[in-house]
């Protein structure tokens, strides 16, 4: 039903991921921006965590060979269907033979293309998500390439809808990531931690070119280990959003493609900001802000309330910042 004309820099079939298998080394491999994934599914009439295409890079394009409802969420993009301009975070009807092209990414990094149907692909461990390292899931266990074709079943047309501006998160730099204390926070000097995520002047890091779905390496002033503190730990299980610091003192933000790690963990990114990690791109500025567990839970609950409003089709004038 769709044919990939240009895959952008990288495009993958993903969904909500495969969960419950980390103890045997199988990562979850979900969409990095679950809010964008679930919203694209709202716009196309699918259930939460249904599969879509996660893309980064401009010039992504595909051709339809059947009528279908489609939507793009995540990064704000300038796109067109044939020569008709499209808005992201809005559903639209595509007709057989038409070409969808993303010309420019204006804010954010990764975007999600969803369809009002179910892809005819094999589930692996109950998930459509692509695991690039293990080479399974998605489309033949790899990134999409020019000429790849994906058939869909249960295609249906749904009402065209648009997400209100106040429901769309900001994705522009500089990014401030809210964090909780990590297990090895006492491995680092007090001055170093204060500069890293304190209440006053905080260090600004830059996203390096070594950033992918596994993790995001940062560049800047290194964190300083306390005298006598180990610069590595016995490998333990990793949660997505964990910040690890190797011997060079430069943080690595872990995403979803690793299940264990052996570096000290001064902090863990609050779940409310996990989706923002999908939009950190090389060259972006990043700072960290320490918050407490109660605040982290309150912020996440508020985000889930907003998601529920979208699900139920309710209107709200003021939602605050995500």
C-alpha atoms as a PDB file:
ATOM      1  CA  UNK A   1       0.000   0.000   0.000  1.00  0.00           C
ATOM      2  CA  UNK A   2       2.990   2.337   0.521  1.00  0.00           C
ATOM      3  CA  UNK A   3       6.336   2.402  -1.257  1.00  0.00           C
ATOM      4  CA  UNK A   4       9.359   4.166   0.225  1.00  0.00           C
ATOM      5  CA  UNK A   5      10.689   6.647  -2.334  1.00  0.00           C
ATOM      6  CA  UNK A   6      13.300   8.238  -0.028  1.00  0.00           C
ATOM      7  CA  UNK A   7      13.926   7.007   3.545  1.00  0.00           C
ATOM      8  CA  UNK A   8      15.396  10.260   4.905  1.00  0.00           C
ATOM      9  CA  UNK A   9      18.538   9.668   6.938  1.00  0.00           C
ATOM     10  CA  UNK A  10      16.915   6.762   8.776  1.00  0.00           C
ATOM     11  CA  UNK A  11      13.376   5.472   9.037  1.00  0.00           C
ATOM     12  CA  UNK A  12      12.183   2.501  11.076  1.00  0.00           C
ATOM     13  CA  UNK A  13       8.943   0.682  11.738  1.00  0.00           C
ATOM     14  CA  UNK A  14       8.273   1.025  15.472  1.00  0.00           C
ATOM     15  CA  UNK A  15       5.466   0.693  17.972  1.00  0.00           C
ATOM     16  CA  UNK A  16       5.203   0.705  21.764  1.00  0.00           C
ATOM     17  CA  UNK A  17       8.047  -1.799  22.009  1.00  0.00           C
ATOM     18  CA  UNK A  18       8.544  -5.267  23.454  1.00  0.00           C
ATOM     19  CA  UNK A  19       8.539  -5.352  27.228  1.00  0.00           C
ATOM     20  CA  UNK A  20       9.301  -7.893  29.926  1.00  0.00           C
ATOM     21  CA  UNK A  21      12.429  -9.421  28.395  1.00  0.00           C
ATOM     22  CA  UNK A  22      15.249  -7.208  29.645  1.00  0.00           C
ATOM     23  CA  UNK A  23      16.469  -9.914  32.014  1.00  0.00           C
ATOM     24  CA  UNK A  24      17.502 -11.986  28.979  1.00  0.00           C
ATOM     25  CA  UNK A  25      19.073  -9.017  27.203  1.00  0.00           C
ATOM     26  CA  UNK A  26      16.215  -8.053  24.867  1.00  0.00           C
ATOM     27  CA  UNK A  27      15.648  -4.270  24.989  1.00  0.00           C
ATOM     28  CA  UNK A  28      12.215  -2.717  24.545  1.00  0.00           C
ATOM     29  CA  UNK A  29      13.062  -0.769  21.327  1.00  0.00           C
ATOM     30  CA  UNK A  30       9.935   1.441  21.401  1.00  0.00           C
ATOM     31  CA  UNK A  31       9.241   4.759  19.714  1.00  0.00           C
ATOM     32  CA  UNK A  32      11.560   7.284  21.364  1.00  0.00           C
ATOM     33  CA  UNK A  33       8.702   9.795  21.571  1.00  0.00           C
ATOM     34  CA  UNK A  34       5.761   7.785  22.895  1.00  0.00           C
ATOM     35  CA  UNK A  35       3.547  10.882  23.173  1.00  0.00           C
ATOM     36  CA  UNK A  36       4.000  11.566  19.451  1.00  0.00           C
ATOM     37  CA  UNK A  37       3.400   7.889  18.606  1.00  0.00           C
ATOM     38  CA  UNK A  38       0.190   7.694  20.612  1.00  0.00           C
ATOM     39  CA  UNK A  39      -1.020  11.005  19.185  1.00  0.00           C
ATOM     40  CA  UNK A  40      -0.415   9.934  15.584  1.00  0.00           C
ATOM     41  CA  UNK A  41      -2.484   6.856  16.398  1.00  0.00           C
ATOM     42  CA  UNK A  42      -5.270   9.045  17.778  1.00  0.00           C
ATOM     43  CA  UNK A  43      -5.291  10.999  14.528  1.00  0.00           C
ATOM     44  CA  UNK A  44      -5.471   7.859  12.391  1.00  0.00           C
ATOM     45  CA  UNK A  45      -7.979   5.952  14.512  1.00  0.00           C
ATOM     46  CA  UNK A  46      -5.581   3.325  15.846  1.00  0.00           C
ATOM     47  CA  UNK A  47      -5.021   1.983  19.338  1.00  0.00           C
ATOM     48  CA  UNK A  48      -2.215   3.267  21.547  1.00  0.00           C
ATOM     49  CA  UNK A  49       1.236   1.944  20.624  1.00  0.00           C
ATOM     50  CA  UNK A  50       0.108   0.768  17.162  1.00  0.00           C
ATOM     51  CA  UNK A  51       2.967   0.736  14.612  1.00  0.00           C
ATOM     52  CA  UNK A  52       4.125   3.779  12.685  1.00  0.00           C
ATOM     53  CA  UNK A  53       7.293   4.921  10.914  1.00  0.00           C
ATOM     54  CA  UNK A  54       9.856   6.825  12.986  1.00  0.00           C
ATOM     55  CA  UNK A  55      12.001   9.092  10.790  1.00  0.00           C
ATOM     56  CA  UNK A  56      14.807  11.572  11.121  1.00  0.00           C
ATOM     57  CA  UNK A  57      16.123  13.563   8.208  1.00  0.00           C
ATOM     58  CA  UNK A  58      14.539  15.625   5.468  1.00  0.00           C
ATOM     59  CA  UNK A  59      13.348  14.508   2.012  1.00  0.00           C
ATOM     60  CA  UNK A  60      11.562  11.444   3.424  1.00  0.00           C
ATOM     61  CA  UNK A  61       8.942  10.472   0.880  1.00  0.00           C
ATOM     62  CA  UNK A  62       6.577   7.634   0.112  1.00  0.00           C
ATOM     63  CA  UNK A  63       3.927   6.850  -2.484  1.00  0.00           C
ATOM     64  CA  UNK A  64       0.465   5.505  -1.683  1.00  0.00           C
ATOM     65  CA  UNK A  65      -1.151   2.753  -3.717  1.00  0.00           C
ATOM     66  CA  UNK A  66      -4.487   2.902  -1.868  1.00  0.00           C
ATOM     67  CA  UNK A  67      -6.686   5.527  -0.242  1.00  0.00           C
ATOM     68  CA  UNK A  68      -5.830   5.939   3.441  1.00  0.00           C
ATOM     69  CA  UNK A  69      -5.840   8.430   6.298  1.00  0.00           C
ATOM     70  CA  UNK A  70      -2.364   9.553   7.377  1.00  0.00           C
ATOM     71  CA  UNK A  71      -0.775  11.912   9.936  1.00  0.00           C
ATOM     72  CA  UNK A  72       2.646  13.204  11.008  1.00  0.00           C
ATOM     73  CA  UNK A  73       3.530  14.063  14.609  1.00  0.00           C
ATOM     74  CA  UNK A  74       6.717  14.554  16.634  1.00  0.00           C
ATOM     75  CA  UNK A  75       9.071  17.090  15.081  1.00  0.00           C
ATOM     76  CA  UNK A  76       7.291  19.950  13.350  1.00  0.00           C
ATOM     77  CA  UNK A  77       7.837  19.528   9.631  1.00  0.00           C
ATOM     78  CA  UNK A  78       7.027  21.245   6.368  1.00  0.00           C
ATOM     79  CA  UNK A  79       5.464  18.575   4.190  1.00  0.00           C
ATOM     80  CA  UNK A  80       3.304  18.220   1.112  1.00  0.00           C
ATOM     81  CA  UNK A  81       1.009  15.705  -0.525  1.00  0.00           C
ATOM     82  CA  UNK A  82       1.744  16.112  -4.212  1.00  0.00           C
ATOM     83  CA  UNK A  83       1.841  19.934  -4.338  1.00  0.00           C
ATOM     84  CA  UNK A  84      -0.569  20.545  -1.477  1.00  0.00           C
ATOM     85  CA  UNK A  85       1.043  21.775   1.776  1.00  0.00           C
ATOM     86  CA  UNK A  86       0.408  19.769   4.933  1.00  0.00           C
ATOM     87  CA  UNK A  87       0.516  20.575   8.627  1.00  0.00           C
ATOM     88  CA  UNK A  88       2.100  18.225  11.124  1.00  0.00           C
ATOM     89  CA  UNK A  89      -0.009  17.120  14.106  1.00  0.00           C
ATOM     90  CA  UNK A  90      -3.016  16.916  11.772  1.00  0.00           C
ATOM     91  CA  UNK A  91      -4.565  13.991   9.913  1.00  0.00           C
ATOM     92  CA  UNK A  92      -5.177  14.096   6.165  1.00  0.00           C
ATOM     93  CA  UNK A  93      -6.585  11.887   3.433  1.00  0.00           C
ATOM     94  CA  UNK A  94      -4.157  10.439   0.880  1.00  0.00           C
ATOM     95  CA  UNK A  95      -5.302   8.932  -2.394  1.00  0.00           C
ATOM     96  CA  UNK A  96      -3.827   6.109  -4.409  1.00  0.00           C
ATOM     97  CA  UNK A  97      -0.890   7.307  -6.509  1.00  0.00           C
ATOM     98  CA  UNK A  98      -0.143  10.406  -4.439  1.00  0.00           C
ATOM     99  CA  UNK A  99       3.346  11.230  -3.157  1.00  0.00           C
ATOM    100  CA  UNK A 100       3.987  12.375   0.430  1.00  0.00           C
ATOM    101  CA  UNK A 101       7.210  14.361   0.927  1.00  0.00           C
ATOM    102  CA  UNK A 102       8.749  15.924   4.036  1.00  0.00           C
ATOM    103  CA  UNK A 103      10.730  18.930   2.818  1.00  0.00           C
ATOM    104  CA  UNK A 104      12.005  20.431   6.063  1.00  0.00           C
ATOM    105  CA  UNK A 105      12.248  19.709   9.791  1.00  0.00           C
ATOM    106  CA  UNK A 106      11.551  23.032  11.483  1.00  0.00           C
ATOM    107  CA  UNK A 107      11.524  22.069  15.176  1.00  0.00           C
ATOM    108  CA  UNK A 108      12.602  18.874  16.884  1.00  0.00           C
ATOM    109  CA  UNK A 109      14.378  15.898  15.348  1.00  0.00           C
ATOM    110  CA  UNK A 110      12.344  12.697  14.942  1.00  0.00           C
ATOM    111  CA  UNK A 111       8.868  12.571  13.451  1.00  0.00           C
ATOM    112  CA  UNK A 112       6.246   9.851  13.177  1.00  0.00           C
ATOM    113  CA  UNK A 113       4.206   8.927  10.118  1.00  0.00           C
ATOM    114  CA  UNK A 114       1.075   6.904  10.894  1.00  0.00           C
ATOM    115  CA  UNK A 115      -1.616   5.257   8.775  1.00  0.00           C
ATOM    116  CA  UNK A 116      -5.236   4.205   9.347  1.00  0.00           C
ATOM    117  CA  UNK A 117      -4.540   0.510   8.983  1.00  0.00           C
ATOM    118  CA  UNK A 118      -2.370  -2.350  10.233  1.00  0.00           C
ATOM    119  CA  UNK A 119       0.922  -3.177   8.443  1.00  0.00           C
ATOM    120  CA  UNK A 120       1.241  -6.690   7.093  1.00  0.00           C
ATOM    121  CA  UNK A 121       4.473  -7.420   8.951  1.00  0.00           C
ATOM    122  CA  UNK A 122       5.510 -10.185  11.299  1.00  0.00           C
ATOM    123  CA  UNK A 123       5.504  -9.468  15.002  1.00  0.00           C
ATOM    124  CA  UNK A 124       8.640 -10.558  16.873  1.00  0.00           C
ATOM    125  CA  UNK A 125       8.162 -11.140  20.602  1.00  0.00           C
ATOM    126  CA  UNK A 126       4.723  -9.550  20.324  1.00  0.00           C
ATOM    127  CA  UNK A 127       5.987  -6.303  18.807  1.00  0.00           C
ATOM    128  CA  UNK A 128       6.469  -4.659  15.403  1.00  0.00           C
ATOM    129  CA  UNK A 129       9.395  -2.536  16.627  1.00  0.00           C
ATOM    130  CA  UNK A 130      12.713  -2.747  14.807  1.00  0.00           C
ATOM    131  CA  UNK A 131      15.737  -3.899  16.805  1.00  0.00           C
ATOM    132  CA  UNK A 132      18.673  -2.883  14.624  1.00  0.00           C
ATOM    133  CA  UNK A 133      21.346  -4.575  16.727  1.00  0.00           C
ATOM    134  CA  UNK A 134      19.587  -7.947  16.839  1.00  0.00           C
ATOM    135  CA  UNK A 135      18.261  -7.501  13.290  1.00  0.00           C
ATOM    136  CA  UNK A 136      14.678  -8.479  13.965  1.00  0.00           C
ATOM    137  CA  UNK A 137      11.276  -6.828  14.018  1.00  0.00           C
ATOM    138  CA  UNK A 138       9.971  -4.024  11.842  1.00  0.00           C
ATOM    139  CA  UNK A 139      10.746  -4.436   8.150  1.00  0.00           C
ATOM    140  CA  UNK A 140      13.182  -7.372   7.884  1.00  0.00           C
ATOM    141  CA  UNK A 141      15.003  -6.200  10.986  1.00  0.00           C
ATOM    142  CA  UNK A 142      16.527  -3.162   9.294  1.00  0.00           C
ATOM    143  CA  UNK A 143      15.994   0.477   8.435  1.00  0.00           C
ATOM    144  CA  UNK A 144      13.686   1.188   5.509  1.00  0.00           C
ATOM    145  CA  UNK A 145      15.279   1.629   2.087  1.00  0.00           C
ATOM    146  CA  UNK A 146      14.224   3.062  -1.237  1.00  0.00           C
ATOM    147  CA  UNK A 147      11.813   0.692  -2.967  1.00  0.00           C
ATOM    148  CA  UNK A 148      10.589  -1.086   0.182  1.00  0.00           C
ATOM    149  CA  UNK A 149       6.861  -1.758   0.119  1.00  0.00           C
ATOM    150  CA  UNK A 150       4.561  -2.289   3.069  1.00  0.00           C
ATOM    151  CA  UNK A 151       1.032  -3.604   2.655  1.00  0.00           C
ATOM    152  CA  UNK A 152      -1.719  -2.673   5.112  1.00  0.00           C
ATOM    153  CA  UNK A 153      -4.926  -4.385   6.116  1.00  0.00           C
ATOM    154  CA  UNK A 154      -8.062  -3.163   7.886  1.00  0.00           C
ATOM    155  CA  UNK A 155      -7.733   0.189   6.109  1.00  0.00           C
ATOM    156  CA  UNK A 156     -10.436   2.697   7.007  1.00  0.00           C
ATOM    157  CA  UNK A 157     -11.048   6.389   6.500  1.00  0.00           C
ATOM    158  CA  UNK A 158     -11.442   8.495   9.637  1.00  0.00           C
ATOM    159  CA  UNK A 159     -12.456  12.083  10.308  1.00  0.00           C
ATOM    160  CA  UNK A 160      -9.732  14.622   9.638  1.00  0.00           C
ATOM    161  CA  UNK A 161      -8.586  16.104  12.949  1.00  0.00           C
ATOM    162  CA  UNK A 162      -5.963  18.532  14.185  1.00  0.00           C
ATOM    163  CA  UNK A 163      -4.193  18.675  17.535  1.00  0.00           C
ATOM    164  CA  UNK A 164      -4.550  22.047  19.242  1.00  0.00           C
ATOM    165  CA  UNK A 165      -1.402  24.105  19.647  1.00  0.00           C
ATOM    166  CA  UNK A 166      -1.388  23.875  23.442  1.00  0.00           C
ATOM    167  CA  UNK A 167      -1.200  20.086  23.247  1.00  0.00           C
ATOM    168  CA  UNK A 168       1.999  20.136  21.155  1.00  0.00           C
ATOM    169  CA  UNK A 169       5.230  20.055  23.212  1.00  0.00           C
ATOM    170  CA  UNK A 170       8.060  22.473  22.533  1.00  0.00           C
ATOM    171  CA  UNK A 171      11.133  20.812  21.035  1.00  0.00           C
ATOM    172  CA  UNK A 172      13.537  23.667  20.368  1.00  0.00           C
ATOM    173  CA  UNK A 173      16.871  24.038  22.138  1.00  0.00           C
ATOM    174  CA  UNK A 174      18.173  24.890  24.664  1.00  0.00           C
ATOM    175  CA  UNK A 175      16.739  21.805  26.333  1.00  0.00           C
ATOM    176  CA  UNK A 176      16.354  21.576  30.107  1.00  0.00           C
ATOM    177  CA  UNK A 177      16.031  17.984  31.300  1.00  0.00           C
ATOM    178  CA  UNK A 178      14.641  17.369  34.778  1.00  0.00           C
ATOM    179  CA  UNK A 179      16.422  14.648  36.727  1.00  0.00           C
ATOM    180  CA  UNK A 180      16.255  12.605  39.923  1.00  0.00           C
ATOM    181  CA  UNK A 181      19.176  11.429  42.027  1.00  0.00           C
ATOM    182  CA  UNK A 182      20.982   8.378  40.661  1.00  0.00           C
ATOM    183  CA  UNK A 183      22.448   5.413  42.586  1.00  0.00           C
ATOM    184  CA  UNK A 184      26.057   6.658  42.377  1.00  0.00           C
ATOM    185  CA  UNK A 185      25.450  10.370  42.935  1.00  0.00           C
ATOM    186  CA  UNK A 186      27.945  10.347  45.834  1.00  0.00           C
ATOM    187  CA  UNK A 187      30.750   9.273  43.467  1.00  0.00           C
ATOM    188  CA  UNK A 188      31.084  12.913  42.343  1.00  0.00           C
ATOM    189  CA  UNK A 189      32.243  16.091  44.073  1.00  0.00           C
ATOM    190  CA  UNK A 190      29.641  18.445  45.506  1.00  0.00           C
ATOM    191  CA  UNK A 191      30.852  21.348  43.348  1.00  0.00           C
ATOM    192  CA  UNK A 192      30.677  19.176  40.242  1.00  0.00           C
ATOM    193  CA  UNK A 193      27.119  18.064  41.015  1.00  0.00           C
ATOM    194  CA  UNK A 194      26.038  21.614  41.784  1.00  0.00           C
ATOM    195  CA  UNK A 195      27.294  22.749  38.398  1.00  0.00           C
ATOM    196  CA  UNK A 196      25.738  19.731  36.727  1.00  0.00           C
ATOM    197  CA  UNK A 197      22.170  19.994  38.037  1.00  0.00           C
ATOM    198  CA  UNK A 198      22.034  22.532  40.864  1.00  0.00           C
ATOM    199  CA  UNK A 199      19.670  25.451  41.428  1.00  0.00           C
ATOM    200  CA  UNK A 200      22.103  28.163  40.367  1.00  0.00           C
ATOM    201  CA  UNK A 201      24.327  28.406  37.296  1.00  0.00           C
ATOM    202  CA  UNK A 202      24.332  25.038  35.555  1.00  0.00           C
ATOM    203  CA  UNK A 203      26.788  23.633  33.060  1.00  0.00           C
ATOM    204  CA  UNK A 204      25.677  23.657  29.446  1.00  0.00           C
ATOM    205  CA  UNK A 205      26.417  20.504  27.470  1.00  0.00           C
ATOM    206  CA  UNK A 206      26.328  20.007  23.721  1.00  0.00           C
ATOM    207  CA  UNK A 207      24.873  16.940  22.036  1.00  0.00           C
ATOM    208  CA  UNK A 208      27.723  15.230  20.198  1.00  0.00           C
ATOM    209  CA  UNK A 209      27.580  13.486  16.841  1.00  0.00           C
ATOM    210  CA  UNK A 210      27.683  10.206  18.791  1.00  0.00           C
ATOM    211  CA  UNK A 211      23.946  10.067  19.316  1.00  0.00           C
ATOM    212  CA  UNK A 212      21.519   7.349  18.191  1.00  0.00           C
ATOM    213  CA  UNK A 213      18.683   5.203  19.535  1.00  0.00           C
ATOM    214  CA  UNK A 214      21.073   3.557  22.008  1.00  0.00           C
ATOM    215  CA  UNK A 215      22.317   6.689  23.731  1.00  0.00           C
ATOM    216  CA  UNK A 216      23.291  10.348  23.520  1.00  0.00           C
ATOM    217  CA  UNK A 217      26.854  11.390  24.336  1.00  0.00           C
ATOM    218  CA  UNK A 218      27.323  14.938  25.569  1.00  0.00           C
ATOM    219  CA  UNK A 219      30.301  17.280  25.284  1.00  0.00           C
ATOM    220  CA  UNK A 220      31.322  20.013  27.717  1.00  0.00           C
ATOM    221  CA  UNK A 221      32.973  20.363  31.116  1.00  0.00           C
ATOM    222  CA  UNK A 222      33.411  16.904  32.661  1.00  0.00           C
ATOM    223  CA  UNK A 223      31.992  15.861  36.020  1.00  0.00           C
ATOM    224  CA  UNK A 224      34.678  15.311  38.639  1.00  0.00           C
ATOM    225  CA  UNK A 225      34.864  12.044  40.568  1.00  0.00           C
ATOM    226  CA  UNK A 226      35.508  12.198  44.313  1.00  0.00           C
ATOM    227  CA  UNK A 227      38.947  11.105  45.401  1.00  0.00           C
ATOM    228  CA  UNK A 228      38.936   7.341  45.789  1.00  0.00           C
ATOM    229  CA  UNK A 229      35.614   6.833  43.981  1.00  0.00           C
ATOM    230  CA  UNK A 230      35.503   4.043  41.406  1.00  0.00           C
ATOM    231  CA  UNK A 231      35.199   5.201  37.823  1.00  0.00           C
ATOM    232  CA  UNK A 232      33.169   2.122  36.922  1.00  0.00           C
ATOM    233  CA  UNK A 233      30.758  -0.206  38.687  1.00  0.00           C
ATOM    234  CA  UNK A 234      29.808  -3.839  38.360  1.00  0.00           C
ATOM    235  CA  UNK A 235      27.446  -3.973  35.401  1.00  0.00           C
ATOM    236  CA  UNK A 236      23.806  -3.659  36.434  1.00  0.00           C
ATOM    237  CA  UNK A 237      20.457  -3.307  34.739  1.00  0.00           C
ATOM    238  CA  UNK A 238      19.785   0.072  33.131  1.00  0.00           C
ATOM    239  CA  UNK A 239      16.557   2.024  32.982  1.00  0.00           C
ATOM    240  CA  UNK A 240      15.887   4.230  29.947  1.00  0.00           C
ATOM    241  CA  UNK A 241      16.816   7.797  30.799  1.00  0.00           C
ATOM    242  CA  UNK A 242      19.723   6.804  33.042  1.00  0.00           C
ATOM    243  CA  UNK A 243      22.691   9.169  32.861  1.00  0.00           C
ATOM    244  CA  UNK A 244      25.979   7.277  32.963  1.00  0.00           C
ATOM    245  CA  UNK A 245      29.373   8.925  33.392  1.00  0.00           C
ATOM    246  CA  UNK A 246      32.495   7.073  32.211  1.00  0.00           C
ATOM    247  CA  UNK A 247      36.054   7.879  33.309  1.00  0.00           C
ATOM    248  CA  UNK A 248      36.266  10.955  31.045  1.00  0.00           C
ATOM    249  CA  UNK A 249      33.479  12.610  33.099  1.00  0.00           C
ATOM    250  CA  UNK A 250      31.216  13.339  30.113  1.00  0.00           C
ATOM    251  CA  UNK A 251      27.589  12.185  30.522  1.00  0.00           C
ATOM    252  CA  UNK A 252      25.895   9.588  28.335  1.00  0.00           C
ATOM    253  CA  UNK A 253      22.093   9.522  28.304  1.00  0.00           C
ATOM    254  CA  UNK A 254      20.932   5.945  27.861  1.00  0.00           C
ATOM    255  CA  UNK A 255      17.860   5.337  25.730  1.00  0.00           C
ATOM    256  CA  UNK A 256      16.132   2.014  25.043  1.00  0.00           C
ATOM    257  CA  UNK A 257      18.615  -0.272  23.274  1.00  0.00           C
ATOM    258  CA  UNK A 258      20.798  -1.333  26.243  1.00  0.00           C
ATOM    259  CA  UNK A 259      19.794  -3.450  29.200  1.00  0.00           C
ATOM    260  CA  UNK A 260      22.969  -3.260  31.348  1.00  0.00           C
ATOM    261  CA  UNK A 261      25.763  -0.778  31.972  1.00  0.00           C
ATOM    262  CA  UNK A 262      28.908  -0.419  34.037  1.00  0.00           C
ATOM    263  CA  UNK A 263      29.412   3.336  34.518  1.00  0.00           C
ATOM    264  CA  UNK A 264      28.505   5.467  37.533  1.00  0.00           C
ATOM    265  CA  UNK A 265      24.977   6.900  37.449  1.00  0.00           C
ATOM    266  CA  UNK A 266      24.661  10.331  39.065  1.00  0.00           C
ATOM    267  CA  UNK A 267      21.119  10.962  37.841  1.00  0.00           C
ATOM    268  CA  UNK A 268      18.078   9.568  36.038  1.00  0.00           C
ATOM    269  CA  UNK A 269      15.941  11.717  33.748  1.00  0.00           C
ATOM    270  CA  UNK A 270      12.365  12.112  34.989  1.00  0.00           C
ATOM    271  CA  UNK A 271       9.907  10.182  32.843  1.00  0.00           C
ATOM    272  CA  UNK A 272       8.006  13.348  31.930  1.00  0.00           C
ATOM    273  CA  UNK A 273      11.031  14.385  29.817  1.00  0.00           C
ATOM    274  CA  UNK A 274      11.778  11.021  28.177  1.00  0.00           C
ATOM    275  CA  UNK A 275       9.935  11.939  24.976  1.00  0.00           C
ATOM    276  CA  UNK A 276      12.067  15.061  24.614  1.00  0.00           C
ATOM    277  CA  UNK A 277      15.141  12.845  24.277  1.00  0.00           C
ATOM    278  CA  UNK A 278      13.903  11.885  20.796  1.00  0.00           C
ATOM    279  CA  UNK A 279      14.498  15.478  19.710  1.00  0.00           C
ATOM    280  CA  UNK A 280      18.035  16.085  20.973  1.00  0.00           C
ATOM    281  CA  UNK A 281      20.163  16.414  17.858  1.00  0.00           C
ATOM    282  CA  UNK A 282      23.903  16.986  17.369  1.00  0.00           C
ATOM    283  CA  UNK A 283      24.845  20.543  18.278  1.00  0.00           C
ATOM    284  CA  UNK A 284      21.878  21.160  20.611  1.00  0.00           C
ATOM    285  CA  UNK A 285      22.463  22.702  24.038  1.00  0.00           C
ATOM    286  CA  UNK A 286      21.365  20.732  27.117  1.00  0.00           C
ATOM    287  CA  UNK A 287      21.178  21.538  30.832  1.00  0.00           C
ATOM    288  CA  UNK A 288      19.957  19.424  33.757  1.00  0.00           C
ATOM    289  CA  UNK A 289      17.745  20.407  36.700  1.00  0.00           C
ATOM    290  CA  UNK A 290      17.365  18.324  39.841  1.00  0.00           C
ATOM    291  CA  UNK A 291      13.779  17.781  41.079  1.00  0.00           C
ATOM    292  CA  UNK A 292      12.235  15.593  43.753  1.00  0.00           C
ATOM    293  CA  UNK A 293      10.255  12.397  43.340  1.00  0.00           C
ATOM    294  CA  UNK A 294       6.945  14.024  44.278  1.00  0.00           C
ATOM    295  CA  UNK A 295       7.384  16.752  41.662  1.00  0.00           C
ATOM    296  CA  UNK A 296       8.415  14.190  39.047  1.00  0.00           C
ATOM    297  CA  UNK A 297       5.274  12.161  39.695  1.00  0.00           C
ATOM    298  CA  UNK A 298       3.066  15.264  39.568  1.00  0.00           C
ATOM    299  CA  UNK A 299       4.576  16.399  36.260  1.00  0.00           C
ATOM    300  CA  UNK A 300       4.088  12.970  34.698  1.00  0.00           C
ATOM    301  CA  UNK A 301       0.500  12.731  35.960  1.00  0.00           C
ATOM    302  CA  UNK A 302      -0.227  16.091  34.327  1.00  0.00           C
ATOM    303  CA  UNK A 303       1.212  14.862  31.048  1.00  0.00           C
ATOM    304  CA  UNK A 304      -1.000  11.761  31.207  1.00  0.00           C
ATOM    305  CA  UNK A 305      -4.020  14.002  31.819  1.00  0.00           C
ATOM    306  CA  UNK A 306      -3.227  15.880  28.624  1.00  0.00           C
ATOM    307  CA  UNK A 307      -2.882  12.589  26.736  1.00  0.00           C
ATOM    308  CA  UNK A 308      -6.281  11.535  28.076  1.00  0.00           C
ATOM    309  CA  UNK A 309      -7.832  14.797  26.889  1.00  0.00           C
ATOM    310  CA  UNK A 310      -6.560  14.099  23.379  1.00  0.00           C
ATOM    311  CA  UNK A 311      -7.845  10.532  23.567  1.00  0.00           C
ATOM    312  CA  UNK A 312     -11.289  11.643  24.653  1.00  0.00           C
ATOM    313  CA  UNK A 313     -11.455  14.520  22.187  1.00  0.00           C
ATOM    314  CA  UNK A 314     -11.921  17.148  24.904  1.00  0.00           C
ATOM    315  CA  UNK A 315     -10.929  20.776  24.500  1.00  0.00           C
ATOM    316  CA  UNK A 316      -8.845  22.669  26.998  1.00  0.00           C
ATOM    317  CA  UNK A 317      -7.801  26.281  26.846  1.00  0.00           C
ATOM    318  CA  UNK A 318      -4.742  26.152  29.074  1.00  0.00           C
ATOM    319  CA  UNK A 319      -2.583  23.043  29.457  1.00  0.00           C
ATOM    320  CA  UNK A 320       0.680  24.583  30.618  1.00  0.00           C
ATOM    321  CA  UNK A 321       4.068  23.367  29.433  1.00  0.00           C
ATOM    322  CA  UNK A 322       4.922  19.704  29.040  1.00  0.00           C
END
